Amino acid sequence: MSKLNTNSNAYIIIYSTILVVIVAFLLAFVYKALKPMQDANVELDVKKQILYSLNIRDLDGAEAEAKYAELVNDTMDFAGQRILMAEIDEEPIMIFEMKGMGLWGGISGYMSTHFDMEKGALVVYGAYFNHESETAGLGAEIKDSQEWQEKFIGKRIIDTDANGKDKVVLSVVKKVENPDTQVDCVTGATLTSNGVDEMIKRTFGILTGEYELDIEDSDLQKLLIKSILKDSDISDAELEKMIKVKKAEEE
């Protein structure tokens, strides 16, 4: 029997192929085994981000799961916009999922809102922003600085202009001139801040009609009314009656 030539090209190719197949199989096995755990961790991270937007932080995994289940009671998809419904101290809260672009990559976040009776307007209840690859100490501050995120609390989101048109007025600017609606940029991260501003405008533009929607106005009105009423079982007929009464009062 001839001795196996371990220096031949055929041996090296066959050996490398077998090694690659074995390694690929092991990696696939490990990935499949760990995927449920990875998915659970991603889901938990999302829930924590949503809780951050409700000004609830510093919870461990089990506490976050329990608090999320206690507060968040519904999720809807409206014209591609994900909106979550929560209730805190018997007050309805709407949480808007946001996606946009920063300087170096995608940015995202959650902004919770409620109706301020004193201002008579929809205002920010809390906010949390995230990013994929912004610069540490600069653009990354949208995620890392709780102090900056808290500047959004209480800001008016939508207002009516002189022509009676609803517009998104919440904005991120270099110089704050209206503290009721504006938040100052992150220092040294103008482009990332502009991305946050655009993301906010696009997210809430679905409510003002500043972004086109594939939905009838009447359906939009019904959705908005349902979102602020605790009785989610109200019928469409009752909603239409409320809308007609409101129109008659305005006329």
C-alpha atoms as a PDB file:
ATOM      1  CA  MET A   1       0.000   0.000   0.000  1.00  0.00           C
ATOM      2  CA  SER A   2       1.381   3.371  -1.002  1.00  0.00           C
ATOM      3  CA  LYS A   3       1.886   5.982   1.678  1.00  0.00           C
ATOM      4  CA  LEU A   4      -0.631   8.866   1.705  1.00  0.00           C
ATOM      5  CA  ASN A   5       0.999  11.984   0.328  1.00  0.00           C
ATOM      6  CA  THR A   6      -0.138  14.719   2.699  1.00  0.00           C
ATOM      7  CA  ASN A   7       1.673  17.337   0.656  1.00  0.00           C
ATOM      8  CA  SER A   8      -0.229  16.682  -2.564  1.00  0.00           C
ATOM      9  CA  ASN A   9      -2.730  19.206  -3.927  1.00  0.00           C
ATOM     10  CA  ALA A  10      -5.522  16.603  -3.919  1.00  0.00           C
ATOM     11  CA  TYR A  11      -5.018  15.816  -0.222  1.00  0.00           C
ATOM     12  CA  ILE A  12      -4.971  19.504   0.739  1.00  0.00           C
ATOM     13  CA  ILE A  13      -8.160  20.221  -1.251  1.00  0.00           C
ATOM     14  CA  ILE A  14     -10.047  17.209   0.160  1.00  0.00           C
ATOM     15  CA  TYR A  15      -8.866  17.918   3.732  1.00  0.00           C
ATOM     16  CA  SER A  16      -9.856  21.616   3.488  1.00  0.00           C
ATOM     17  CA  THR A  17     -13.271  20.749   2.043  1.00  0.00           C
ATOM     18  CA  ILE A  18     -14.050  18.267   4.830  1.00  0.00           C
ATOM     19  CA  LEU A  19     -12.883  20.761   7.460  1.00  0.00           C
ATOM     20  CA  VAL A  20     -15.055  23.539   6.004  1.00  0.00           C
ATOM     21  CA  VAL A  21     -18.105  21.248   5.916  1.00  0.00           C
ATOM     22  CA  ILE A  22     -17.603  20.195   9.545  1.00  0.00           C
ATOM     23  CA  VAL A  23     -17.125  23.784  10.740  1.00  0.00           C
ATOM     24  CA  ALA A  24     -20.170  24.975   8.754  1.00  0.00           C
ATOM     25  CA  PHE A  25     -22.277  22.192  10.275  1.00  0.00           C
ATOM     26  CA  LEU A  26     -21.143  23.075  13.792  1.00  0.00           C
ATOM     27  CA  LEU A  27     -21.845  26.790  13.269  1.00  0.00           C
ATOM     28  CA  ALA A  28     -25.315  26.026  11.871  1.00  0.00           C
ATOM     29  CA  PHE A  29     -26.036  23.737  14.837  1.00  0.00           C
ATOM     30  CA  VAL A  30     -24.907  26.359  17.371  1.00  0.00           C
ATOM     31  CA  TYR A  31     -26.894  29.105  15.592  1.00  0.00           C
ATOM     32  CA  LYS A  32     -30.062  27.001  15.590  1.00  0.00           C
ATOM     33  CA  ALA A  33     -29.588  26.057  19.234  1.00  0.00           C
ATOM     34  CA  LEU A  34     -29.013  29.655  20.352  1.00  0.00           C
ATOM     35  CA  LYS A  35     -31.576  31.378  18.092  1.00  0.00           C
ATOM     36  CA  PRO A  36     -34.541  31.073  20.516  1.00  0.00           C
ATOM     37  CA  MET A  37     -32.406  32.674  23.235  1.00  0.00           C
ATOM     38  CA  GLN A  38     -31.219  35.408  20.856  1.00  0.00           C
ATOM     39  CA  ASP A  39     -34.793  36.129  19.740  1.00  0.00           C
ATOM     40  CA  ALA A  40     -35.919  36.329  23.368  1.00  0.00           C
ATOM     41  CA  ASN A  41     -33.104  38.770  24.174  1.00  0.00           C
ATOM     42  CA  VAL A  42     -34.011  40.970  21.182  1.00  0.00           C
ATOM     43  CA  GLU A  43     -37.679  40.959  22.201  1.00  0.00           C
ATOM     44  CA  LEU A  44     -36.761  41.869  25.782  1.00  0.00           C
ATOM     45  CA  ASP A  45     -34.514  44.707  24.562  1.00  0.00           C
ATOM     46  CA  VAL A  46     -37.380  46.136  22.490  1.00  0.00           C
ATOM     47  CA  LYS A  47     -39.705  45.972  25.498  1.00  0.00           C
ATOM     48  CA  LYS A  48     -37.110  47.779  27.621  1.00  0.00           C
ATOM     49  CA  GLN A  49     -36.795  50.521  24.978  1.00  0.00           C
ATOM     50  CA  ILE A  50     -40.568  50.972  25.018  1.00  0.00           C
ATOM     51  CA  LEU A  51     -40.513  51.189  28.818  1.00  0.00           C
ATOM     52  CA  TYR A  52     -37.693  53.769  28.584  1.00  0.00           C
ATOM     53  CA  SER A  53     -40.026  55.876  26.441  1.00  0.00           C
ATOM     54  CA  LEU A  54     -42.505  55.665  29.328  1.00  0.00           C
ATOM     55  CA  ASN A  55     -39.788  56.971  31.698  1.00  0.00           C
ATOM     56  CA  ILE A  56     -39.393  53.547  33.326  1.00  0.00           C
ATOM     57  CA  ARG A  57     -35.752  52.444  33.557  1.00  0.00           C
ATOM     58  CA  ASP A  58     -33.333  50.331  35.588  1.00  0.00           C
ATOM     59  CA  LEU A  59     -35.409  47.143  35.544  1.00  0.00           C
ATOM     60  CA  ASP A  60     -33.928  43.665  35.200  1.00  0.00           C
ATOM     61  CA  GLY A  61     -35.297  41.179  32.667  1.00  0.00           C
ATOM     62  CA  ALA A  62     -38.100  39.705  34.766  1.00  0.00           C
ATOM     63  CA  GLU A  63     -39.170  43.102  36.109  1.00  0.00           C
ATOM     64  CA  ALA A  64     -39.241  44.577  32.592  1.00  0.00           C
ATOM     65  CA  GLU A  65     -41.347  41.690  31.262  1.00  0.00           C
ATOM     66  CA  ALA A  66     -43.850  42.089  34.114  1.00  0.00           C
ATOM     67  CA  LYS A  67     -44.059  45.886  33.833  1.00  0.00           C
ATOM     68  CA  TYR A  68     -44.500  45.732  30.057  1.00  0.00           C
ATOM     69  CA  ALA A  69     -47.329  43.193  30.397  1.00  0.00           C
ATOM     70  CA  GLU A  70     -48.948  45.409  33.033  1.00  0.00           C
ATOM     71  CA  LEU A  71     -48.838  48.671  31.054  1.00  0.00           C
ATOM     72  CA  VAL A  72     -48.900  47.897  27.323  1.00  0.00           C
ATOM     73  CA  ASN A  73     -52.256  46.476  26.323  1.00  0.00           C
ATOM     74  CA  ASP A  74     -52.545  46.731  22.538  1.00  0.00           C
ATOM     75  CA  THR A  75     -50.585  47.204  19.301  1.00  0.00           C
ATOM     76  CA  MET A  76     -51.810  48.492  15.963  1.00  0.00           C
ATOM     77  CA  ASP A  77     -50.293  49.043  12.540  1.00  0.00           C
ATOM     78  CA  PHE A  78     -51.521  52.221  10.889  1.00  0.00           C
ATOM     79  CA  ALA A  79     -50.345  53.031   7.352  1.00  0.00           C
ATOM     80  CA  GLY A  80     -47.078  51.223   8.070  1.00  0.00           C
ATOM     81  CA  GLN A  81     -46.709  53.007  11.416  1.00  0.00           C
ATOM     82  CA  ARG A  82     -46.557  50.811  14.531  1.00  0.00           C
ATOM     83  CA  ILE A  83     -48.423  52.314  17.477  1.00  0.00           C
ATOM     84  CA  LEU A  84     -48.659  50.751  20.927  1.00  0.00           C
ATOM     85  CA  MET A  85     -51.342  51.545  23.473  1.00  0.00           C
ATOM     86  CA  ALA A  86     -50.556  51.726  27.177  1.00  0.00           C
ATOM     87  CA  GLU A  87     -52.249  52.948  30.325  1.00  0.00           C
ATOM     88  CA  ILE A  88     -50.520  54.554  33.305  1.00  0.00           C
ATOM     89  CA  ASP A  89     -52.506  55.702  36.337  1.00  0.00           C
ATOM     90  CA  GLU A  90     -55.698  55.254  34.278  1.00  0.00           C
ATOM     91  CA  GLU A  91     -54.381  57.625  31.611  1.00  0.00           C
ATOM     92  CA  PRO A  92     -54.197  56.362  27.984  1.00  0.00           C
ATOM     93  CA  ILE A  93     -50.750  56.646  26.406  1.00  0.00           C
ATOM     94  CA  MET A  94     -49.920  56.206  22.707  1.00  0.00           C
ATOM     95  CA  ILE A  95     -46.383  55.010  21.913  1.00  0.00           C
ATOM     96  CA  PHE A  96     -45.091  55.639  18.397  1.00  0.00           C
ATOM     97  CA  GLU A  97     -42.324  53.515  16.896  1.00  0.00           C
ATOM     98  CA  MET A  98     -39.897  55.660  14.871  1.00  0.00           C
ATOM     99  CA  LYS A  99     -37.270  54.833  12.233  1.00  0.00           C
ATOM    100  CA  GLY A 100     -34.908  57.167  10.407  1.00  0.00           C
ATOM    101  CA  MET A 101     -31.321  57.804   9.296  1.00  0.00           C
ATOM    102  CA  GLY A 102     -28.462  59.385  11.224  1.00  0.00           C
ATOM    103  CA  LEU A 103     -25.013  60.377  10.009  1.00  0.00           C
ATOM    104  CA  TRP A 104     -23.506  56.880   9.752  1.00  0.00           C
ATOM    105  CA  GLY A 105     -26.512  54.583   9.736  1.00  0.00           C
ATOM    106  CA  GLY A 106     -30.029  53.925  10.876  1.00  0.00           C
ATOM    107  CA  ILE A 107     -31.576  55.508  13.950  1.00  0.00           C
ATOM    108  CA  SER A 108     -34.760  54.498  15.697  1.00  0.00           C
ATOM    109  CA  GLY A 109     -36.762  55.124  18.814  1.00  0.00           C
ATOM    110  CA  TYR A 110     -40.042  55.223  20.654  1.00  0.00           C
ATOM    111  CA  MET A 111     -41.955  58.323  21.660  1.00  0.00           C
ATOM    112  CA  SER A 112     -44.889  58.085  24.044  1.00  0.00           C
ATOM    113  CA  THR A 113     -47.609  60.730  23.940  1.00  0.00           C
ATOM    114  CA  HIS A 114     -50.632  61.801  25.938  1.00  0.00           C
ATOM    115  CA  PHE A 115     -53.226  64.546  25.832  1.00  0.00           C
ATOM    116  CA  ASP A 116     -52.380  67.460  28.115  1.00  0.00           C
ATOM    117  CA  MET A 117     -55.660  68.947  29.346  1.00  0.00           C
ATOM    118  CA  GLU A 118     -54.051  72.256  30.373  1.00  0.00           C
ATOM    119  CA  LYS A 119     -52.409  72.797  26.990  1.00  0.00           C
ATOM    120  CA  GLY A 120     -55.296  71.217  25.129  1.00  0.00           C
ATOM    121  CA  ALA A 121     -52.789  69.385  22.929  1.00  0.00           C
ATOM    122  CA  LEU A 122     -50.968  66.136  22.287  1.00  0.00           C
ATOM    123  CA  VAL A 123     -47.608  66.311  24.082  1.00  0.00           C
ATOM    124  CA  VAL A 124     -44.605  64.068  24.639  1.00  0.00           C
ATOM    125  CA  TYR A 125     -44.873  61.791  27.670  1.00  0.00           C
ATOM    126  CA  GLY A 126     -41.397  60.322  27.202  1.00  0.00           C
ATOM    127  CA  ALA A 127     -38.832  59.435  24.539  1.00  0.00           C
ATOM    128  CA  TYR A 128     -36.042  56.982  23.847  1.00  0.00           C
ATOM    129  CA  PHE A 129     -33.726  56.963  20.806  1.00  0.00           C
ATOM    130  CA  ASN A 130     -31.336  54.316  19.513  1.00  0.00           C
ATOM    131  CA  HIS A 131     -28.754  54.106  16.730  1.00  0.00           C
ATOM    132  CA  GLU A 132     -26.752  51.592  14.723  1.00  0.00           C
ATOM    133  CA  SER A 133     -23.368  53.274  14.347  1.00  0.00           C
ATOM    134  CA  GLU A 134     -23.202  56.886  15.494  1.00  0.00           C
ATOM    135  CA  THR A 135     -20.001  58.405  16.891  1.00  0.00           C
ATOM    136  CA  ALA A 136     -19.442  57.872  20.623  1.00  0.00           C
ATOM    137  CA  GLY A 137     -19.714  61.126  22.553  1.00  0.00           C
ATOM    138  CA  LEU A 138     -21.397  62.877  19.607  1.00  0.00           C
ATOM    139  CA  GLY A 139     -24.250  61.334  17.599  1.00  0.00           C
ATOM    140  CA  ALA A 140     -24.397  58.392  19.994  1.00  0.00           C
ATOM    141  CA  GLU A 141     -25.641  60.826  22.649  1.00  0.00           C
ATOM    142  CA  ILE A 142     -29.167  60.431  21.250  1.00  0.00           C
ATOM    143  CA  LYS A 143     -29.052  56.985  22.910  1.00  0.00           C
ATOM    144  CA  ASP A 144     -26.562  57.471  25.724  1.00  0.00           C
ATOM    145  CA  SER A 145     -27.841  60.752  27.182  1.00  0.00           C
ATOM    146  CA  GLN A 146     -30.969  60.267  29.275  1.00  0.00           C
ATOM    147  CA  GLU A 147     -30.798  63.987  30.040  1.00  0.00           C
ATOM    148  CA  TRP A 148     -31.176  64.842  26.336  1.00  0.00           C
ATOM    149  CA  GLN A 149     -34.052  62.395  25.875  1.00  0.00           C
ATOM    150  CA  GLU A 150     -35.875  63.912  28.852  1.00  0.00           C
ATOM    151  CA  LYS A 151     -35.793  67.340  27.185  1.00  0.00           C
ATOM    152  CA  PHE A 152     -38.643  66.132  24.948  1.00  0.00           C
ATOM    153  CA  ILE A 153     -41.021  65.533  27.869  1.00  0.00           C
ATOM    154  CA  GLY A 154     -43.970  67.937  27.837  1.00  0.00           C
ATOM    155  CA  LYS A 155     -43.229  69.339  24.372  1.00  0.00           C
ATOM    156  CA  ARG A 156     -46.215  70.038  22.139  1.00  0.00           C
ATOM    157  CA  ILE A 157     -46.215  67.764  19.082  1.00  0.00           C
ATOM    158  CA  ILE A 158     -48.916  69.160  16.798  1.00  0.00           C
ATOM    159  CA  ASP A 159     -50.353  72.651  16.422  1.00  0.00           C
ATOM    160  CA  THR A 160     -52.728  74.480  14.093  1.00  0.00           C
ATOM    161  CA  ASP A 161     -51.328  77.224  11.872  1.00  0.00           C
ATOM    162  CA  ALA A 162     -53.012  80.501  10.828  1.00  0.00           C
ATOM    163  CA  ASN A 163     -54.737  78.716   7.943  1.00  0.00           C
ATOM    164  CA  GLY A 164     -56.317  76.136  10.228  1.00  0.00           C
ATOM    165  CA  LYS A 165     -53.926  73.412   9.060  1.00  0.00           C
ATOM    166  CA  ASP A 166     -52.521  70.928  11.561  1.00  0.00           C
ATOM    167  CA  LYS A 167     -48.725  70.655  11.435  1.00  0.00           C
ATOM    168  CA  VAL A 168     -46.028  68.797  13.347  1.00  0.00           C
ATOM    169  CA  VAL A 169     -44.299  71.491  15.405  1.00  0.00           C
ATOM    170  CA  LEU A 170     -42.084  69.326  17.607  1.00  0.00           C
ATOM    171  CA  SER A 171     -38.546  69.828  16.310  1.00  0.00           C
ATOM    172  CA  VAL A 172     -34.839  69.507  17.065  1.00  0.00           C
ATOM    173  CA  VAL A 173     -33.045  72.780  16.320  1.00  0.00           C
ATOM    174  CA  LYS A 174     -29.655  74.480  16.765  1.00  0.00           C
ATOM    175  CA  LYS A 175     -31.153  77.373  18.714  1.00  0.00           C
ATOM    176  CA  VAL A 176     -34.320  77.021  20.768  1.00  0.00           C
ATOM    177  CA  GLU A 177     -36.705  79.909  20.223  1.00  0.00           C
ATOM    178  CA  ASN A 178     -39.903  78.195  21.327  1.00  0.00           C
ATOM    179  CA  PRO A 179     -39.300  75.956  24.380  1.00  0.00           C
ATOM    180  CA  ASP A 180     -42.861  74.662  24.118  1.00  0.00           C
ATOM    181  CA  THR A 181     -42.091  72.796  20.875  1.00  0.00           C
ATOM    182  CA  GLN A 182     -38.306  72.774  20.354  1.00  0.00           C
ATOM    183  CA  VAL A 183     -35.358  70.752  21.694  1.00  0.00           C
ATOM    184  CA  ASP A 184     -31.759  71.800  21.097  1.00  0.00           C
ATOM    185  CA  CYS A 185     -29.426  69.656  18.972  1.00  0.00           C
ATOM    186  CA  VAL A 186     -26.869  67.303  20.457  1.00  0.00           C
ATOM    187  CA  THR A 187     -23.658  69.310  20.636  1.00  0.00           C
ATOM    188  CA  GLY A 188     -21.309  68.397  17.764  1.00  0.00           C
ATOM    189  CA  ALA A 189     -23.871  66.090  16.115  1.00  0.00           C
ATOM    190  CA  THR A 190     -25.950  68.353  13.892  1.00  0.00           C
ATOM    191  CA  LEU A 191     -26.545  65.780  11.141  1.00  0.00           C
ATOM    192  CA  THR A 192     -27.650  63.083  13.582  1.00  0.00           C
ATOM    193  CA  SER A 193     -29.917  65.618  15.307  1.00  0.00           C
ATOM    194  CA  ASN A 194     -31.366  66.531  11.911  1.00  0.00           C
ATOM    195  CA  GLY A 195     -32.076  62.832  11.400  1.00  0.00           C
ATOM    196  CA  VAL A 196     -34.003  62.719  14.674  1.00  0.00           C
ATOM    197  CA  ASP A 197     -35.950  65.832  13.644  1.00  0.00           C
ATOM    198  CA  GLU A 198     -36.877  64.324  10.269  1.00  0.00           C
ATOM    199  CA  MET A 199     -37.852  61.040  11.927  1.00  0.00           C
ATOM    200  CA  ILE A 200     -40.212  62.871  14.289  1.00  0.00           C
ATOM    201  CA  LYS A 201     -41.764  64.910  11.466  1.00  0.00           C
ATOM    202  CA  ARG A 202     -42.379  61.803   9.368  1.00  0.00           C
ATOM    203  CA  THR A 203     -43.750  59.758  12.270  1.00  0.00           C
ATOM    204  CA  PHE A 204     -46.349  62.275  13.415  1.00  0.00           C
ATOM    205  CA  GLY A 205     -47.008  63.531   9.896  1.00  0.00           C
ATOM    206  CA  ILE A 206     -49.374  60.586   9.539  1.00  0.00           C
ATOM    207  CA  LEU A 207     -51.698  62.325  12.001  1.00  0.00           C
ATOM    208  CA  THR A 208     -51.602  65.749  10.339  1.00  0.00           C
ATOM    209  CA  GLY A 209     -51.826  64.568   6.749  1.00  0.00           C
ATOM    210  CA  GLU A 210     -48.411  66.032   5.900  1.00  0.00           C
ATOM    211  CA  TYR A 211     -47.482  62.577   4.616  1.00  0.00           C
ATOM    212  CA  GLU A 212     -49.816  60.805   2.199  1.00  0.00           C
ATOM    213  CA  LEU A 213     -51.780  57.899   3.613  1.00  0.00           C
ATOM    214  CA  ASP A 214     -53.604  55.075   1.911  1.00  0.00           C
ATOM    215  CA  ILE A 215     -56.595  55.537   4.203  1.00  0.00           C
ATOM    216  CA  GLU A 216     -59.863  57.445   4.183  1.00  0.00           C
ATOM    217  CA  ASP A 217     -60.166  60.536   6.406  1.00  0.00           C
ATOM    218  CA  SER A 218     -63.142  58.986   8.188  1.00  0.00           C
ATOM    219  CA  ASP A 219     -61.092  55.900   9.051  1.00  0.00           C
ATOM    220  CA  LEU A 220     -58.329  58.126  10.392  1.00  0.00           C
ATOM    221  CA  GLN A 221     -60.784  59.971  12.608  1.00  0.00           C
ATOM    222  CA  LYS A 222     -62.158  56.691  13.935  1.00  0.00           C
ATOM    223  CA  LEU A 223     -58.680  55.436  14.741  1.00  0.00           C
ATOM    224  CA  LEU A 224     -57.718  58.592  16.604  1.00  0.00           C
ATOM    225  CA  ILE A 225     -60.939  58.624  18.628  1.00  0.00           C
ATOM    226  CA  LYS A 226     -60.510  54.955  19.548  1.00  0.00           C
ATOM    227  CA  SER A 227     -56.936  55.611  20.608  1.00  0.00           C
ATOM    228  CA  ILE A 228     -57.952  58.089  23.311  1.00  0.00           C
ATOM    229  CA  LEU A 229     -61.089  56.331  24.525  1.00  0.00           C
ATOM    230  CA  LYS A 230     -60.755  53.711  27.216  1.00  0.00           C
ATOM    231  CA  ASP A 231     -63.761  51.801  25.847  1.00  0.00           C
ATOM    232  CA  SER A 232     -62.128  50.071  22.886  1.00  0.00           C
ATOM    233  CA  ASP A 233     -65.372  48.225  22.087  1.00  0.00           C
ATOM    234  CA  ILE A 234     -67.114  51.348  20.814  1.00  0.00           C
ATOM    235  CA  SER A 235     -68.826  50.609  17.494  1.00  0.00           C
ATOM    236  CA  ASP A 236     -68.093  52.327  14.172  1.00  0.00           C
ATOM    237  CA  ALA A 237     -71.710  53.566  14.129  1.00  0.00           C
ATOM    238  CA  GLU A 238     -71.175  55.345  17.447  1.00  0.00           C
ATOM    239  CA  LEU A 239     -67.906  56.802  16.189  1.00  0.00           C
ATOM    240  CA  GLU A 240     -69.579  58.112  13.013  1.00  0.00           C
ATOM    241  CA  LYS A 241     -72.269  59.733  15.168  1.00  0.00           C
ATOM    242  CA  MET A 242     -69.569  61.435  17.294  1.00  0.00           C
ATOM    243  CA  ILE A 243     -67.807  62.691  14.145  1.00  0.00           C
ATOM    244  CA  LYS A 244     -71.052  64.074  12.709  1.00  0.00           C
ATOM    245  CA  VAL A 245     -71.832  65.895  15.974  1.00  0.00           C
ATOM    246  CA  LYS A 246     -68.329  67.347  16.018  1.00  0.00           C
ATOM    247  CA  LYS A 247     -68.643  68.544  12.408  1.00  0.00           C
ATOM    248  CA  ALA A 248     -72.025  70.128  13.169  1.00  0.00           C
ATOM    249  CA  GLU A 249     -70.566  71.974  16.141  1.00  0.00           C
ATOM    250  CA  GLU A 250     -67.679  73.302  14.014  1.00  0.00           C
ATOM    251  CA  GLU A 251     -70.060  74.490  11.267  1.00  0.00           C
END
